[in-house]
N, C-alpha and C. Protein backbone atom coordinates (compact mmCIF):
# COMPACT_ATOMS: atom_id res chain seq x y z
N MET A 1 39.94 -40.14 44.34
CA MET A 1 38.76 -39.32 44.45
C MET A 1 39.06 -37.84 44.57
N PRO A 2 40.29 -37.44 44.70
CA PRO A 2 40.55 -36.01 44.80
C PRO A 2 40.18 -35.27 43.51
N LEU A 3 40.14 -35.92 42.39
CA LEU A 3 39.77 -35.28 41.14
C LEU A 3 38.33 -34.78 41.20
N PHE A 4 37.45 -35.58 41.70
CA PHE A 4 36.04 -35.20 41.79
C PHE A 4 35.84 -34.02 42.72
N ASP A 5 36.66 -33.95 43.79
CA ASP A 5 36.56 -32.81 44.71
C ASP A 5 36.91 -31.50 44.01
N ILE A 6 37.85 -31.54 43.13
CA ILE A 6 38.25 -30.33 42.39
C ILE A 6 37.08 -29.83 41.53
N PHE A 7 36.43 -30.76 40.85
CA PHE A 7 35.31 -30.38 40.00
C PHE A 7 34.14 -29.85 40.83
N LYS A 8 33.91 -30.44 42.00
CA LYS A 8 32.85 -29.97 42.87
C LYS A 8 33.11 -28.54 43.33
N LYS A 9 34.34 -28.27 43.69
CA LYS A 9 34.71 -26.93 44.14
C LYS A 9 34.51 -25.91 43.01
N GLN A 10 34.90 -26.28 41.81
CA GLN A 10 34.74 -25.37 40.68
C GLN A 10 33.26 -25.08 40.42
N LYS A 11 32.42 -26.09 40.49
CA LYS A 11 30.99 -25.90 40.27
C LYS A 11 30.38 -25.01 41.34
N GLU A 12 30.80 -25.19 42.58
CA GLU A 12 30.28 -24.37 43.68
C GLU A 12 30.68 -22.91 43.49
N GLU A 13 31.92 -22.68 43.07
CA GLU A 13 32.38 -21.31 42.84
C GLU A 13 31.59 -20.66 41.69
N GLU A 14 31.32 -21.43 40.65
CA GLU A 14 30.54 -20.89 39.53
C GLU A 14 29.12 -20.54 39.97
N LYS A 15 28.53 -21.37 40.80
CA LYS A 15 27.17 -21.11 41.29
C LYS A 15 27.14 -19.84 42.12
N LYS A 16 28.15 -19.62 42.94
CA LYS A 16 28.22 -18.40 43.75
C LYS A 16 28.31 -17.16 42.86
N LYS A 17 29.13 -17.24 41.80
CA LYS A 17 29.26 -16.11 40.89
C LYS A 17 27.93 -15.79 40.21
N VAL A 18 27.24 -16.84 39.80
CA VAL A 18 25.95 -16.65 39.12
C VAL A 18 24.94 -16.01 40.07
N LYS A 19 24.95 -16.45 41.34
CA LYS A 19 24.03 -15.88 42.33
C LYS A 19 24.33 -14.42 42.58
N ASP A 20 25.59 -14.09 42.66
CA ASP A 20 26.00 -12.69 42.87
C ASP A 20 25.56 -11.82 41.68
N GLU A 21 25.72 -12.33 40.48
CA GLU A 21 25.32 -11.58 39.29
C GLU A 21 23.81 -11.37 39.27
N LYS A 22 23.05 -12.39 39.66
CA LYS A 22 21.59 -12.28 39.68
C LYS A 22 21.13 -11.23 40.68
N LYS A 23 21.82 -11.13 41.79
CA LYS A 23 21.45 -10.14 42.80
C LYS A 23 21.70 -8.72 42.31
N GLU A 24 22.73 -8.53 41.51
CA GLU A 24 23.07 -7.20 41.01
C GLU A 24 22.16 -6.80 39.84
N LYS A 25 21.73 -7.71 39.03
CA LYS A 25 20.95 -7.39 37.84
C LYS A 25 19.58 -6.78 38.15
N PRO A 26 18.84 -7.25 39.13
CA PRO A 26 17.53 -6.65 39.36
C PRO A 26 17.60 -5.15 39.64
N LYS A 27 18.62 -4.68 40.29
CA LYS A 27 18.74 -3.26 40.56
C LYS A 27 18.88 -2.50 39.24
N GLU A 28 19.67 -3.05 38.34
CA GLU A 28 19.85 -2.41 37.05
C GLU A 28 18.54 -2.43 36.25
N LYS A 29 17.81 -3.53 36.33
CA LYS A 29 16.57 -3.66 35.59
C LYS A 29 15.53 -2.67 36.09
N ILE A 30 15.47 -2.46 37.38
CA ILE A 30 14.49 -1.53 37.94
C ILE A 30 14.74 -0.13 37.42
N THR A 31 15.99 0.29 37.41
CA THR A 31 16.28 1.64 36.89
C THR A 31 15.98 1.73 35.40
N GLU A 32 16.25 0.65 34.66
CA GLU A 32 15.95 0.65 33.23
C GLU A 32 14.45 0.75 33.01
N LYS A 33 13.66 0.03 33.81
CA LYS A 33 12.21 0.07 33.68
C LYS A 33 11.68 1.46 33.96
N LEU A 34 12.21 2.10 34.98
CA LEU A 34 11.77 3.45 35.30
C LEU A 34 12.07 4.41 34.15
N GLU A 35 13.23 4.26 33.55
CA GLU A 35 13.59 5.11 32.42
C GLU A 35 12.66 4.87 31.23
N LYS A 36 12.32 3.60 30.99
CA LYS A 36 11.42 3.27 29.90
C LYS A 36 10.03 3.86 30.14
N LYS A 37 9.55 3.80 31.39
CA LYS A 37 8.23 4.36 31.71
C LYS A 37 8.21 5.85 31.47
N GLU A 38 9.28 6.52 31.83
CA GLU A 38 9.34 7.95 31.62
C GLU A 38 9.28 8.29 30.14
N THR A 39 9.95 7.52 29.32
CA THR A 39 9.93 7.79 27.88
C THR A 39 8.57 7.45 27.29
N LYS A 40 7.90 6.45 27.81
CA LYS A 40 6.58 6.09 27.30
C LYS A 40 5.55 7.16 27.61
N THR A 41 5.62 7.78 28.76
CA THR A 41 4.63 8.79 29.11
C THR A 41 4.77 10.03 28.24
N GLU A 42 5.95 10.26 27.71
CA GLU A 42 6.16 11.42 26.87
C GLU A 42 5.49 11.27 25.51
N GLU A 43 5.39 10.05 25.00
CA GLU A 43 4.77 9.81 23.71
C GLU A 43 3.26 9.89 23.84
N LYS A 44 2.62 10.59 22.91
CA LYS A 44 1.16 10.68 22.91
C LYS A 44 0.60 9.56 22.04
N PRO A 45 -0.49 8.94 22.47
CA PRO A 45 -1.07 7.88 21.65
C PRO A 45 -1.68 8.46 20.38
N VAL A 46 -1.49 7.75 19.29
CA VAL A 46 -2.00 8.19 18.00
C VAL A 46 -3.41 7.64 17.83
N ARG A 47 -4.33 8.51 17.48
CA ARG A 47 -5.72 8.10 17.31
C ARG A 47 -5.94 7.75 15.85
N VAL A 48 -6.38 6.53 15.61
CA VAL A 48 -6.58 6.06 14.25
C VAL A 48 -8.07 6.13 13.93
N GLU A 49 -8.40 6.85 12.87
CA GLU A 49 -9.78 6.93 12.44
C GLU A 49 -10.02 5.90 11.36
N LYS A 50 -11.30 5.54 11.19
CA LYS A 50 -11.64 4.57 10.16
C LYS A 50 -11.37 5.18 8.80
N ALA A 51 -10.85 4.36 7.92
CA ALA A 51 -10.49 4.85 6.59
C ALA A 51 -11.75 5.19 5.80
N LYS A 52 -11.73 6.35 5.17
CA LYS A 52 -12.84 6.77 4.34
C LYS A 52 -12.32 7.14 2.96
N SER A 53 -13.17 6.94 1.98
CA SER A 53 -12.78 7.31 0.63
C SER A 53 -12.96 8.82 0.44
N LYS A 54 -12.75 9.30 -0.77
CA LYS A 54 -12.81 10.73 -1.04
C LYS A 54 -14.19 11.31 -0.75
N LYS A 55 -15.23 10.55 -0.99
CA LYS A 55 -16.59 11.04 -0.80
C LYS A 55 -17.05 10.96 0.66
N GLY A 56 -16.24 10.41 1.53
CA GLY A 56 -16.62 10.29 2.94
C GLY A 56 -17.36 9.00 3.23
N ILE A 57 -17.31 8.06 2.31
CA ILE A 57 -17.98 6.78 2.48
C ILE A 57 -16.98 5.78 3.05
N PRO A 58 -17.34 5.06 4.12
CA PRO A 58 -16.41 4.06 4.67
C PRO A 58 -16.07 3.00 3.62
N GLU A 59 -14.84 2.49 3.68
CA GLU A 59 -14.38 1.54 2.67
C GLU A 59 -15.12 0.21 2.73
N ASN A 60 -15.58 -0.17 3.90
CA ASN A 60 -16.27 -1.46 4.01
C ASN A 60 -17.74 -1.35 3.62
N ALA A 61 -18.20 -0.18 3.18
CA ALA A 61 -19.60 0.01 2.82
C ALA A 61 -19.99 -0.89 1.65
N TYR A 62 -19.12 -1.00 0.67
CA TYR A 62 -19.44 -1.81 -0.50
C TYR A 62 -19.21 -3.29 -0.26
N ARG A 63 -18.64 -3.64 0.86
CA ARG A 63 -18.56 -5.05 1.25
C ARG A 63 -19.87 -5.48 1.88
N ILE A 64 -20.53 -4.57 2.57
CA ILE A 64 -21.80 -4.88 3.22
C ILE A 64 -22.93 -4.86 2.19
N LEU A 65 -22.97 -3.81 1.38
CA LEU A 65 -24.02 -3.64 0.38
C LEU A 65 -23.52 -4.22 -0.93
N LEU A 66 -24.06 -5.37 -1.36
CA LEU A 66 -23.53 -6.07 -2.52
C LEU A 66 -24.12 -5.55 -3.83
N SER A 67 -25.45 -5.54 -3.94
CA SER A 67 -26.06 -5.08 -5.19
C SER A 67 -27.54 -4.79 -4.95
N PRO A 68 -28.15 -3.98 -5.82
CA PRO A 68 -29.60 -3.80 -5.72
C PRO A 68 -30.29 -5.03 -6.29
N ASN A 69 -31.42 -5.38 -5.71
CA ASN A 69 -32.18 -6.52 -6.18
C ASN A 69 -33.27 -5.99 -7.10
N VAL A 70 -33.11 -6.17 -8.41
CA VAL A 70 -34.04 -5.61 -9.39
C VAL A 70 -34.96 -6.72 -9.88
N THR A 71 -36.18 -6.74 -9.34
CA THR A 71 -37.22 -7.68 -9.75
C THR A 71 -38.51 -6.89 -9.89
N GLU A 72 -39.57 -7.56 -10.35
CA GLU A 72 -40.86 -6.88 -10.49
C GLU A 72 -41.37 -6.42 -9.13
N LYS A 73 -41.24 -7.30 -8.18
CA LYS A 73 -41.73 -6.95 -6.84
C LYS A 73 -40.93 -5.78 -6.26
N ALA A 74 -39.63 -5.78 -6.47
CA ALA A 74 -38.78 -4.71 -5.95
C ALA A 74 -39.13 -3.37 -6.61
N THR A 75 -39.42 -3.38 -7.92
CA THR A 75 -39.79 -2.13 -8.58
C THR A 75 -41.16 -1.64 -8.12
N ASP A 76 -42.07 -2.55 -7.79
CA ASP A 76 -43.37 -2.14 -7.24
C ASP A 76 -43.20 -1.51 -5.86
N LEU A 77 -42.22 -2.00 -5.09
CA LEU A 77 -42.00 -1.46 -3.74
C LEU A 77 -41.43 -0.04 -3.77
N THR A 78 -40.82 0.37 -4.88
CA THR A 78 -40.26 1.72 -4.94
C THR A 78 -41.35 2.79 -4.86
N GLU A 79 -42.58 2.44 -5.24
CA GLU A 79 -43.69 3.38 -5.10
C GLU A 79 -44.00 3.68 -3.64
N GLN A 80 -43.68 2.75 -2.77
CA GLN A 80 -43.88 2.93 -1.33
C GLN A 80 -42.61 3.41 -0.64
N ASN A 81 -41.62 3.85 -1.43
CA ASN A 81 -40.31 4.27 -0.94
C ASN A 81 -39.58 3.16 -0.19
N LYS A 82 -39.69 1.95 -0.72
CA LYS A 82 -38.97 0.81 -0.18
C LYS A 82 -38.04 0.29 -1.28
N TYR A 83 -36.79 0.04 -0.92
CA TYR A 83 -35.79 -0.41 -1.88
C TYR A 83 -35.17 -1.71 -1.37
N VAL A 84 -34.86 -2.60 -2.31
CA VAL A 84 -34.37 -3.94 -1.96
C VAL A 84 -32.92 -4.07 -2.42
N PHE A 85 -32.06 -4.56 -1.51
CA PHE A 85 -30.64 -4.75 -1.79
C PHE A 85 -30.20 -6.12 -1.31
N LYS A 86 -29.26 -6.73 -2.04
CA LYS A 86 -28.59 -7.92 -1.54
C LYS A 86 -27.46 -7.44 -0.65
N VAL A 87 -27.34 -8.05 0.52
CA VAL A 87 -26.33 -7.62 1.48
C VAL A 87 -25.49 -8.81 1.92
N HIS A 88 -24.38 -8.52 2.60
CA HIS A 88 -23.47 -9.56 3.10
C HIS A 88 -24.19 -10.41 4.14
N LYS A 89 -23.83 -11.69 4.19
CA LYS A 89 -24.53 -12.62 5.09
C LYS A 89 -24.38 -12.26 6.57
N ASN A 90 -23.28 -11.61 6.93
CA ASN A 90 -23.05 -11.29 8.34
C ASN A 90 -23.50 -9.88 8.71
N ALA A 91 -24.07 -9.13 7.78
CA ALA A 91 -24.48 -7.75 8.06
C ALA A 91 -25.73 -7.73 8.94
N ASN A 92 -25.79 -6.73 9.82
CA ASN A 92 -26.98 -6.57 10.65
C ASN A 92 -27.70 -5.27 10.28
N LYS A 93 -28.86 -5.02 10.91
CA LYS A 93 -29.69 -3.88 10.53
C LYS A 93 -28.99 -2.54 10.75
N LYS A 94 -28.28 -2.41 11.84
CA LYS A 94 -27.59 -1.14 12.13
C LYS A 94 -26.53 -0.83 11.09
N GLN A 95 -25.75 -1.84 10.71
CA GLN A 95 -24.71 -1.64 9.70
C GLN A 95 -25.32 -1.25 8.36
N ILE A 96 -26.39 -1.93 7.98
CA ILE A 96 -27.04 -1.66 6.70
C ILE A 96 -27.60 -0.24 6.69
N LYS A 97 -28.24 0.16 7.77
CA LYS A 97 -28.80 1.52 7.85
C LYS A 97 -27.71 2.57 7.69
N LYS A 98 -26.60 2.38 8.38
CA LYS A 98 -25.51 3.35 8.32
C LYS A 98 -24.92 3.43 6.91
N VAL A 99 -24.74 2.29 6.26
CA VAL A 99 -24.17 2.25 4.93
C VAL A 99 -25.08 2.95 3.92
N ILE A 100 -26.37 2.69 3.98
CA ILE A 100 -27.32 3.31 3.05
C ILE A 100 -27.32 4.82 3.24
N GLU A 101 -27.31 5.26 4.50
CA GLU A 101 -27.29 6.70 4.76
C GLU A 101 -25.99 7.34 4.27
N ASP A 102 -24.87 6.65 4.41
CA ASP A 102 -23.59 7.19 3.96
C ASP A 102 -23.49 7.26 2.44
N ILE A 103 -23.91 6.20 1.77
CA ILE A 103 -23.74 6.13 0.32
C ILE A 103 -24.74 7.04 -0.41
N PHE A 104 -26.02 6.92 -0.07
CA PHE A 104 -27.05 7.62 -0.82
C PHE A 104 -27.48 8.95 -0.19
N GLY A 105 -27.11 9.20 1.05
CA GLY A 105 -27.45 10.46 1.70
C GLY A 105 -28.94 10.62 1.96
N VAL A 106 -29.60 9.56 2.38
CA VAL A 106 -31.03 9.59 2.68
C VAL A 106 -31.25 9.21 4.13
N ASN A 107 -32.45 9.49 4.63
CA ASN A 107 -32.81 9.10 5.99
C ASN A 107 -33.57 7.79 5.95
N VAL A 108 -33.04 6.77 6.60
CA VAL A 108 -33.65 5.45 6.61
C VAL A 108 -34.62 5.36 7.77
N LEU A 109 -35.87 4.98 7.46
CA LEU A 109 -36.88 4.82 8.51
C LEU A 109 -36.85 3.41 9.10
N SER A 110 -36.74 2.40 8.24
CA SER A 110 -36.71 1.03 8.75
C SER A 110 -35.90 0.13 7.83
N VAL A 111 -35.41 -0.95 8.40
CA VAL A 111 -34.66 -1.97 7.66
C VAL A 111 -35.24 -3.33 8.04
N LYS A 112 -35.64 -4.08 7.03
CA LYS A 112 -36.13 -5.44 7.25
C LYS A 112 -35.21 -6.40 6.50
N ILE A 113 -34.83 -7.48 7.17
CA ILE A 113 -33.86 -8.43 6.61
C ILE A 113 -34.55 -9.76 6.35
N ILE A 114 -34.24 -10.35 5.18
CA ILE A 114 -34.77 -11.66 4.82
C ILE A 114 -33.59 -12.55 4.44
N ASN A 115 -33.50 -13.72 5.05
CA ASN A 115 -32.48 -14.71 4.70
C ASN A 115 -33.06 -15.65 3.66
N ILE A 116 -32.48 -15.69 2.49
CA ILE A 116 -32.91 -16.60 1.43
C ILE A 116 -32.03 -17.84 1.53
N PRO A 117 -32.61 -18.99 1.86
CA PRO A 117 -31.79 -20.20 2.03
C PRO A 117 -31.34 -20.76 0.68
N PRO A 118 -30.26 -21.58 0.69
CA PRO A 118 -29.85 -22.22 -0.56
C PRO A 118 -30.90 -23.24 -1.01
N LYS A 119 -31.06 -23.38 -2.32
CA LYS A 119 -32.06 -24.31 -2.86
C LYS A 119 -31.36 -25.51 -3.50
N LYS A 120 -32.01 -26.65 -3.40
CA LYS A 120 -31.45 -27.88 -3.95
C LYS A 120 -31.74 -27.93 -5.44
N ARG A 121 -30.72 -28.19 -6.25
CA ARG A 121 -30.85 -28.28 -7.70
C ARG A 121 -30.17 -29.55 -8.19
N ARG A 122 -30.67 -30.07 -9.34
CA ARG A 122 -30.07 -31.26 -9.95
C ARG A 122 -29.59 -30.91 -11.34
N PHE A 123 -28.41 -31.41 -11.67
CA PHE A 123 -27.85 -31.18 -12.99
C PHE A 123 -27.10 -32.44 -13.42
N LYS A 124 -27.56 -33.05 -14.51
CA LYS A 124 -26.97 -34.28 -15.05
C LYS A 124 -26.88 -35.38 -13.99
N GLY A 125 -27.94 -35.53 -13.23
CA GLY A 125 -28.01 -36.59 -12.24
C GLY A 125 -27.29 -36.31 -10.94
N LYS A 126 -26.64 -35.16 -10.84
CA LYS A 126 -25.92 -34.83 -9.61
C LYS A 126 -26.68 -33.73 -8.88
N THR A 127 -26.71 -33.84 -7.57
CA THR A 127 -27.42 -32.82 -6.79
C THR A 127 -26.43 -31.78 -6.28
N GLY A 128 -26.92 -30.57 -6.17
CA GLY A 128 -26.11 -29.48 -5.66
C GLY A 128 -27.02 -28.43 -5.06
N TYR A 129 -26.44 -27.36 -4.63
CA TYR A 129 -27.20 -26.28 -4.02
C TYR A 129 -26.84 -24.94 -4.64
N THR A 130 -27.85 -24.11 -4.79
CA THR A 130 -27.59 -22.74 -5.20
C THR A 130 -27.10 -21.98 -3.97
N GLY A 131 -26.45 -20.88 -4.19
CA GLY A 131 -25.97 -20.10 -3.05
C GLY A 131 -27.11 -19.31 -2.43
N GLY A 132 -27.26 -19.41 -1.15
CA GLY A 132 -28.24 -18.59 -0.46
C GLY A 132 -27.67 -17.20 -0.26
N TYR A 133 -28.53 -16.25 0.07
CA TYR A 133 -28.09 -14.88 0.30
C TYR A 133 -29.01 -14.19 1.28
N LYS A 134 -28.67 -12.99 1.63
CA LYS A 134 -29.47 -12.18 2.54
C LYS A 134 -29.87 -10.92 1.81
N LYS A 135 -31.14 -10.55 1.93
CA LYS A 135 -31.56 -9.30 1.30
C LYS A 135 -32.22 -8.41 2.34
N ALA A 136 -32.12 -7.11 2.07
CA ALA A 136 -32.64 -6.12 3.00
C ALA A 136 -33.64 -5.23 2.27
N ILE A 137 -34.77 -4.97 2.91
CA ILE A 137 -35.76 -4.04 2.38
C ILE A 137 -35.65 -2.77 3.22
N ILE A 138 -35.29 -1.68 2.56
CA ILE A 138 -35.04 -0.41 3.25
C ILE A 138 -36.14 0.56 2.91
N GLN A 139 -36.73 1.15 3.96
CA GLN A 139 -37.76 2.17 3.74
C GLN A 139 -37.17 3.53 4.09
N ILE A 140 -37.36 4.51 3.19
CA ILE A 140 -36.84 5.85 3.41
C ILE A 140 -38.00 6.84 3.46
N ARG A 141 -37.69 8.11 3.77
CA ARG A 141 -38.72 9.15 3.86
C ARG A 141 -39.39 9.36 2.51
N LYS A 142 -40.64 9.87 2.54
CA LYS A 142 -41.42 10.04 1.32
C LYS A 142 -40.81 11.04 0.35
N ASP A 143 -40.19 12.08 0.86
CA ASP A 143 -39.66 13.12 -0.01
C ASP A 143 -38.28 12.80 -0.58
N GLN A 144 -37.73 11.64 -0.27
CA GLN A 144 -36.40 11.27 -0.75
C GLN A 144 -36.49 10.09 -1.71
N LYS A 145 -35.46 9.98 -2.57
CA LYS A 145 -35.41 8.87 -3.53
C LYS A 145 -33.99 8.34 -3.64
N ILE A 146 -33.91 7.06 -4.01
CA ILE A 146 -32.64 6.44 -4.33
C ILE A 146 -32.72 6.02 -5.78
N GLU A 147 -31.74 6.41 -6.58
CA GLU A 147 -31.72 5.96 -7.98
C GLU A 147 -30.83 4.74 -8.04
N VAL A 148 -31.49 3.59 -8.09
CA VAL A 148 -30.78 2.32 -8.07
C VAL A 148 -30.11 2.07 -9.41
N LEU A 149 -30.86 2.24 -10.48
CA LEU A 149 -30.30 2.07 -11.82
C LEU A 149 -30.31 3.43 -12.53
N PRO A 150 -29.16 3.93 -12.94
CA PRO A 150 -29.13 5.21 -13.65
C PRO A 150 -29.86 5.11 -14.99
N ARG A 151 -30.59 6.15 -15.34
CA ARG A 151 -31.39 6.13 -16.58
C ARG A 151 -30.60 6.58 -17.76
């Protein structure tokens, strides 16, 4: 059994060395942390602005505003200074108002949103659905205009 005693002694000595090393390391780590904090305070945070194109229009503007909705009813609404656009399904009134003001440079008075649900269609005996969408009716000031389709 003296062989096992030798191995036990070696393991105990190794454990003591490891404990001694652990006690010394925290002191070194504390000084390193303090040095790192000092270097961090010297750096100024960089302020990132939202990306804008050359005209000053946000890049996500055309993701929100998909297309103008050109129908008979929509053209009749232009007489009342109301314009109809198809918009992204997740867009809200505030986002739509900001995008219209940025792109066309007009003052928006009100935004009304209509969710058009998908419709059931049949083709060759199989049923499917058309894609639903969201449309927005935007009212602007009387003295301003939006040219939806260039003449």
